[in-house]
C-alpha atoms as a PDB file:
ATOM      1  CA  MET A   1     171.108 100.528 107.520  1.00  0.00           C
ATOM      2  CA  ARG A   2     168.656  98.725 110.102  1.00  0.00           C
ATOM      3  CA  LYS A   3     165.663 100.737 108.994  1.00  0.00           C
ATOM      4  CA  ILE A   4     166.097  99.697 105.307  1.00  0.00           C
ATOM      5  CA  ILE A   5     166.470  96.117 105.551  1.00  0.00           C
ATOM      6  CA  ASN A   6     165.703  94.065 108.645  1.00  0.00           C
ATOM      7  CA  PHE A   7     168.116  91.322 109.519  1.00  0.00           C
ATOM      8  CA  LYS A   8     165.641  88.217 108.730  1.00  0.00           C
ATOM      9  CA  VAL A   9     165.126  89.714 105.051  1.00  0.00           C
ATOM     10  CA  ALA A  10     169.114  90.460 104.914  1.00  0.00           C
ATOM     11  CA  THR A  11     169.971  86.814 106.113  1.00  0.00           C
ATOM     12  CA  LEU A  12     167.291  85.155 103.685  1.00  0.00           C
ATOM     13  CA  ALA A  13     168.615  87.006 100.764  1.00  0.00           C
ATOM     14  CA  GLY A  14     172.208  85.989 101.333  1.00  0.00           C
ATOM     15  CA  LEU A  15     171.431  82.587 101.747  1.00  0.00           C
ATOM     16  CA  PHE A  16     169.572  82.549  98.436  1.00  0.00           C
ATOM     17  CA  ILE A  17     172.155  84.551  96.662  1.00  0.00           C
ATOM     18  CA  LEU A  18     174.869  82.239  97.895  1.00  0.00           C
ATOM     19  CA  GLY A  19     172.699  79.097  97.060  1.00  0.00           C
ATOM     20  CA  ILE A  20     172.255  80.142  93.642  1.00  0.00           C
ATOM     21  CA  LEU A  21     176.137  80.676  93.551  1.00  0.00           C
ATOM     22  CA  ALA A  22     176.747  77.246  94.954  1.00  0.00           C
ATOM     23  CA  LEU A  23     174.606  76.118  92.395  1.00  0.00           C
ATOM     24  CA  PHE A  24     176.537  78.060  89.646  1.00  0.00           C
ATOM     25  CA  HIS A  25     180.019  76.546  90.790  1.00  0.00           C
ATOM     26  CA  ILE A  26     178.537  73.244  90.875  1.00  0.00           C
ATOM     27  CA  ALA A  27     177.487  73.409  87.268  1.00  0.00           C
ATOM     28  CA  ILE A  28     180.973  74.693  86.019  1.00  0.00           C
ATOM     29  CA  LEU A  29     182.435  72.049  87.636  1.00  0.00           C
ATOM     30  CA  MET A  30     180.023  69.302  86.349  1.00  0.00           C
ATOM     31  CA  GLY A  31     180.353  70.979  83.011  1.00  0.00           C
ATOM     32  CA  ILE A  32     184.204  70.279  82.931  1.00  0.00           C
ATOM     33  CA  VAL A  33     183.770  66.844  84.567  1.00  0.00           C
ATOM     34  CA  LEU A  34     180.870  65.577  82.783  1.00  0.00           C
ATOM     35  CA  PHE A  35     180.491  67.341  79.385  1.00  0.00           C
ATOM     36  CA  ASP A  36     184.394  68.446  78.923  1.00  0.00           C
ATOM     37  CA  TYR A  37     183.208  71.970  78.693  1.00  0.00           C
ATOM     38  CA  VAL A  38     185.690  74.329  79.875  1.00  0.00           C
ATOM     39  CA  PRO A  39     184.581  78.025  79.805  1.00  0.00           C
ATOM     40  CA  ILE A  40     187.949  79.460  80.851  1.00  0.00           C
ATOM     41  CA  GLU A  41     187.606  82.597  78.541  1.00  0.00           C
ATOM     42  CA  PHE A  42     184.380  83.602  80.561  1.00  0.00           C
ATOM     43  CA  LEU A  43     185.225  83.073  84.097  1.00  0.00           C
ATOM     44  CA  TRP A  44     187.697  84.417  86.495  1.00  0.00           C
ATOM     45  CA  GLY A  45     188.268  87.423  84.209  1.00  0.00           C
ATOM     46  CA  GLY A  46     189.555  85.304  81.378  1.00  0.00           C
ATOM     47  CA  GLN A  47     192.722  84.922  83.693  1.00  0.00           C
ATOM     48  CA  MET A  48     193.017  80.978  84.043  1.00  0.00           C
ATOM     49  CA  LYS A  49     195.433  79.364  81.301  1.00  0.00           C
ATOM     50  CA  THR A  50     194.609  75.762  82.322  1.00  0.00           C
ATOM     51  CA  VAL A  51     191.590  73.520  83.306  1.00  0.00           C
ATOM     52  CA  THR A  52     193.589  72.423  86.265  1.00  0.00           C
ATOM     53  CA  GLN A  53     193.769  76.140  87.374  1.00  0.00           C
ATOM     54  CA  LEU A  54     189.875  76.663  86.684  1.00  0.00           C
ATOM     55  CA  VAL A  55     188.660  73.397  88.648  1.00  0.00           C
ATOM     56  CA  ASN A  56     191.246  74.484  91.649  1.00  0.00           C
ATOM     57  CA  PHE A  57     189.467  78.008  91.779  1.00  0.00           C
ATOM     58  CA  GLU A  58     186.452  76.584  91.432  1.00  0.00           C
ATOM     59  CA  ILE A  59     186.663  74.162  94.267  1.00  0.00           C
ATOM     60  CA  VAL A  60     187.885  76.919  96.485  1.00  0.00           C
ATOM     61  CA  SER A  61     185.160  79.276  95.505  1.00  0.00           C
ATOM     62  CA  LEU A  62     182.472  76.468  95.819  1.00  0.00           C
ATOM     63  CA  LEU A  63     184.171  75.636  99.597  1.00  0.00           C
ATOM     64  CA  THR A  64     184.201  79.488 100.261  1.00  0.00           C
ATOM     65  CA  THR A  65     180.339  79.667  99.296  1.00  0.00           C
ATOM     66  CA  VAL A  66     179.324  76.903 101.540  1.00  0.00           C
ATOM     67  CA  ILE A  67     181.446  78.334 104.442  1.00  0.00           C
ATOM     68  CA  PHE A  68     179.607  81.476 104.301  1.00  0.00           C
ATOM     69  CA  ILE A  69     176.429  79.635 104.134  1.00  0.00           C
ATOM     70  CA  PHE A  70     177.281  78.007 107.381  1.00  0.00           C
ATOM     71  CA  LEU A  71     178.271  81.301 108.927  1.00  0.00           C
ATOM     72  CA  LEU A  72     174.617  82.961 107.633  1.00  0.00           C
ATOM     73  CA  LEU A  73     173.053  79.978 108.989  1.00  0.00           C
ATOM     74  CA  LYS A  74     175.099  80.325 112.440  1.00  0.00           C
ATOM     75  CA  ARG A  75     174.588  84.134 112.453  1.00  0.00           C
ATOM     76  CA  SER A  76     170.898  83.685 112.277  1.00  0.00           C
ATOM     77  CA  LYS A  77     170.635  81.045 114.896  1.00  0.00           C
ATOM     78  CA  TRP A  78     169.317  78.295 112.588  1.00  0.00           C
ATOM     79  CA  ILE A  79     172.462  76.426 113.720  1.00  0.00           C
ATOM     80  CA  ASN A  80     172.902  76.673 117.439  1.00  0.00           C
ATOM     81  CA  LEU A  81     176.769  76.597 118.354  1.00  0.00           C
ATOM     82  CA  PRO A  82     177.354  78.997 121.091  1.00  0.00           C
ATOM     83  CA  LYS A  83     181.001  78.958 121.189  1.00  0.00           C
ATOM     84  CA  LEU A  84     181.095  80.611 117.489  1.00  0.00           C
ATOM     85  CA  LEU A  85     178.978  83.543 118.472  1.00  0.00           C
ATOM     86  CA  ILE A  86     181.701  86.057 118.564  1.00  0.00           C
ATOM     87  CA  PHE A  87     183.432  84.536 115.523  1.00  0.00           C
ATOM     88  CA  THR A  88     180.422  84.627 113.214  1.00  0.00           C
ATOM     89  CA  ARG A  89     180.250  88.578 113.868  1.00  0.00           C
ATOM     90  CA  ILE A  90     184.030  88.990 113.101  1.00  0.00           C
ATOM     91  CA  ALA A  91     183.266  86.733 110.144  1.00  0.00           C
ATOM     92  CA  MET A  92     180.315  88.924 108.774  1.00  0.00           C
ATOM     93  CA  TRP A  93     182.682  91.973 108.743  1.00  0.00           C
ATOM     94  CA  MET A  94     185.340  89.981 107.094  1.00  0.00           C
ATOM     95  CA  ALA A  95     182.867  88.681 104.566  1.00  0.00           C
ATOM     96  CA  PHE A  96     181.530  92.280 103.979  1.00  0.00           C
ATOM     97  CA  VAL A  97     184.975  93.595 103.449  1.00  0.00           C
ATOM     98  CA  LEU A  98     185.889  90.411 100.901  1.00  0.00           C
ATOM     99  CA  PHE A  99     182.647  91.015  98.787  1.00  0.00           C
ATOM    100  CA  LEU A 100     183.367  94.515  98.646  1.00  0.00           C
ATOM    101  CA  LEU A 101     186.823  94.088  97.212  1.00  0.00           C
ATOM    102  CA  ASN A 102     185.484  91.269  94.996  1.00  0.00           C
ATOM    103  CA  THR A 103     183.026  93.990  93.752  1.00  0.00           C
ATOM    104  CA  ILE A 104     185.772  96.228  92.748  1.00  0.00           C
ATOM    105  CA  GLY A 105     187.773  93.295  91.143  1.00  0.00           C
ATOM    106  CA  ASN A 106     184.701  92.271  88.947  1.00  0.00           C
ATOM    107  CA  ALA A 107     183.994  95.926  87.825  1.00  0.00           C
ATOM    108  CA  LEU A 108     187.344  95.956  86.796  1.00  0.00           C
ATOM    109  CA  ALA A 109     187.372  92.853  84.836  1.00  0.00           C
ATOM    110  CA  GLU A 110     187.874  92.485  81.103  1.00  0.00           C
ATOM    111  CA  THR A 111     184.786  90.237  80.337  1.00  0.00           C
ATOM    112  CA  THR A 112     180.875  91.443  80.308  1.00  0.00           C
ATOM    113  CA  PHE A 113     180.117  88.358  82.099  1.00  0.00           C
ATOM    114  CA  GLU A 114     182.351  89.018  85.283  1.00  0.00           C
ATOM    115  CA  ARG A 115     181.521  92.739  85.336  1.00  0.00           C
ATOM    116  CA  LEU A 116     177.879  91.532  85.669  1.00  0.00           C
ATOM    117  CA  PHE A 117     179.175  89.619  88.612  1.00  0.00           C
ATOM    118  CA  ALA A 118     180.000  92.767  90.383  1.00  0.00           C
ATOM    119  CA  ILE A 119     176.106  93.555  91.043  1.00  0.00           C
ATOM    120  CA  VAL A 120     175.632  90.067  92.475  1.00  0.00           C
ATOM    121  CA  SER A 121     179.014  90.652  94.924  1.00  0.00           C
ATOM    122  CA  GLY A 122     177.983  94.293  95.459  1.00  0.00           C
ATOM    123  CA  VAL A 123     174.329  92.988  96.794  1.00  0.00           C
ATOM    124  CA  LEU A 124     175.847  90.434  98.914  1.00  0.00           C
ATOM    125  CA  ALA A 125     178.644  93.071 100.516  1.00  0.00           C
ATOM    126  CA  LEU A 126     175.673  95.318 101.398  1.00  0.00           C
ATOM    127  CA  LEU A 127     173.801  92.390 102.798  1.00  0.00           C
ATOM    128  CA  PHE A 128     176.696  91.148 104.708  1.00  0.00           C
ATOM    129  CA  LEU A 129     177.104  94.571 106.148  1.00  0.00           C
ATOM    130  CA  ARG A 130     173.726  94.685 107.340  1.00  0.00           C
ATOM    131  CA  ILE A 131     173.769  91.035 109.207  1.00  0.00           C
ATOM    132  CA  ALA A 132     177.381  92.418 110.566  1.00  0.00           C
ATOM    133  CA  ILE A 133     175.731  95.592 112.323  1.00  0.00           C
ATOM    134  CA  GLU A 134     172.970  93.200 114.056  1.00  0.00           C
ATOM    135  CA  LYS A 135     173.249  93.649 117.538  1.00  0.00           C
ATOM    136  CA  ASN A 136     173.314  90.435 119.697  1.00  0.00           C
ATOM    137  CA  SER A 137     172.695  90.539 123.330  1.00  0.00           C
ATOM    138  CA  LYS A 138     174.639  87.657 124.377  1.00  0.00           C
ATOM    139  CA  LEU A 139     177.635  89.273 122.110  1.00  0.00           C
ATOM    140  CA  ASP A 140     177.176  92.630 123.750  1.00  0.00           C
ATOM    141  CA  LYS A 141     177.476  91.411 127.126  1.00  0.00           C
ATOM    142  CA  ILE A 142     180.563  89.430 126.372  1.00  0.00           C
ATOM    143  CA  ILE A 143     182.210  92.582 124.623  1.00  0.00           C
ATOM    144  CA  LYS A 144     181.246  94.967 127.364  1.00  0.00           C
END
């Protein structure tokens, strides 16, 4: 996996995709709040029953996306917080599992729109796997 895609490319690609997803969630929230447009049938596999449910899920999704962006910035050492070093590697593995499960869920969704997101979450799963397997000399010394 390390030979297929290098760490920096995986990080930049992950940041790019997550940035686009953050903008997507912001656009949905703005559409609901500013324009009273509620695309319930297209989002979350069509499972949302009320606008409040959709807004709550979108806020959680946006916050989760921002946390993933922060973790990627930390893991790539663009944010220097040494005390989070061990946590970020563990978080990358957790993110990989989450995006893998999300890929399965999206692939099984009823709407075509959600099924297309299986591609995005699958790519993110692979990128987070690549980032998770990156060795870090400081971390390796702590673990050994």
